[in-house]
Amino acid sequence: MDEREILRHFIANRYAYYEAFTIRDNDSLSAKGYLDSEGMLELIAFVERRFSIKIDNDEINFRNIDSLAGLANLIRQKKMA
């Protein structure tokens, strides 16, 4: 599974009323109602644990964390650093 699939399944499993296939790579996780602010913090904590990376405060912005594609890109960048 790639990063996007892992994230997609985390959200779908954590919030059982979503099915993984309904969350598209570029969907806004907040605007589509998949995650609220508390859910975003849970997602960031999951990403840091699962991928063994540290997301700095200045990296927490909508471009990086509001879509599966943005998060996957951030994860890849952090893993390469």
Protein backbone atom coordinates (compact mmCIF):
# COMPACT_ATOMS: atom_id res chain seq x y z
CA MET A 1 0.00 0.00 0.00
CA ASP A 2 1.30 3.47 -0.77
CA GLU A 3 0.99 6.46 1.57
CA ARG A 4 -2.35 7.59 0.15
CA GLU A 5 -3.93 4.17 0.62
CA ILE A 6 -2.65 3.91 4.20
CA LEU A 7 -4.08 7.36 4.98
CA ARG A 8 -7.36 6.59 3.20
CA HIS A 9 -7.83 3.42 5.23
CA PHE A 10 -6.93 5.16 8.50
CA ILE A 11 -9.64 7.78 7.94
CA ALA A 12 -12.21 5.22 6.80
CA ASN A 13 -11.49 2.92 9.77
CA ARG A 14 -11.34 5.73 12.34
CA TYR A 15 -14.56 7.29 11.11
CA ALA A 16 -16.56 4.20 10.20
CA TYR A 17 -19.24 6.11 8.32
CA TYR A 18 -16.84 6.66 5.40
CA GLU A 19 -15.82 4.02 2.93
CA ALA A 20 -12.20 4.21 1.80
CA PHE A 21 -13.08 4.36 -1.90
CA THR A 22 -15.11 7.56 -1.42
CA ILE A 23 -12.08 9.61 -0.32
CA ARG A 24 -10.27 10.89 -3.39
CA ASP A 25 -6.61 11.92 -3.43
CA ASN A 26 -7.28 15.64 -3.92
CA ASP A 27 -10.46 15.98 -1.84
CA SER A 28 -10.26 18.61 0.88
CA LEU A 29 -10.47 16.51 4.03
CA SER A 30 -11.93 19.42 6.00
CA ALA A 31 -14.28 20.89 3.37
CA LYS A 32 -15.72 17.46 2.48
CA GLY A 33 -16.32 16.83 6.18
CA TYR A 34 -14.03 13.83 6.46
CA LEU A 35 -12.09 15.39 9.36
CA ASP A 36 -12.62 18.23 11.81
CA SER A 37 -9.78 19.99 13.63
CA GLU A 38 -9.53 17.21 16.23
CA GLY A 39 -9.47 14.61 13.47
CA MET A 40 -6.66 16.50 11.74
CA LEU A 41 -4.58 16.38 14.92
CA GLU A 42 -5.25 12.64 15.21
CA LEU A 43 -4.23 12.20 11.57
CA ILE A 44 -0.99 14.13 12.08
CA ALA A 45 -0.15 12.01 15.14
CA PHE A 46 -0.90 8.84 13.16
CA VAL A 47 1.30 9.98 10.26
CA GLU A 48 4.20 10.75 12.58
CA ARG A 49 3.94 7.34 14.27
CA ARG A 50 3.24 5.27 11.17
CA PHE A 51 5.91 6.80 8.94
CA SER A 52 8.46 7.64 11.68
CA ILE A 53 8.61 11.31 10.74
CA LYS A 54 8.19 14.59 12.60
CA ILE A 55 5.87 17.19 11.11
CA ASP A 56 7.02 20.65 12.18
CA ASN A 57 4.49 23.32 13.13
CA ASP A 58 5.36 25.41 10.07
CA GLU A 59 4.50 22.41 7.85
CA ILE A 60 0.97 22.18 9.22
CA ASN A 61 -0.99 24.06 6.59
CA PHE A 62 -3.81 23.27 4.17
CA ARG A 63 -1.46 22.59 1.27
CA ASN A 64 0.28 19.85 3.23
CA ILE A 65 -2.42 18.28 5.37
CA ASP A 66 -5.83 18.91 3.85
CA SER A 67 -5.69 16.18 1.19
CA LEU A 68 -4.33 12.69 0.82
CA ALA A 69 -2.14 13.88 -2.06
CA GLY A 70 -0.68 16.73 0.03
CA LEU A 71 0.00 14.47 2.98
CA ALA A 72 1.56 11.78 0.82
CA ASN A 73 3.82 14.39 -0.77
CA LEU A 74 4.85 15.71 2.66
CA ILE A 75 5.56 12.16 3.88
CA ARG A 76 7.77 11.45 0.86
CA GLN A 77 9.65 14.72 1.34
CA LYS A 78 10.24 14.03 5.04
CA LYS A 79 11.40 10.48 4.38
CA MET A 80 13.93 11.70 1.79
CA ALA A 81 15.36 14.37 4.13
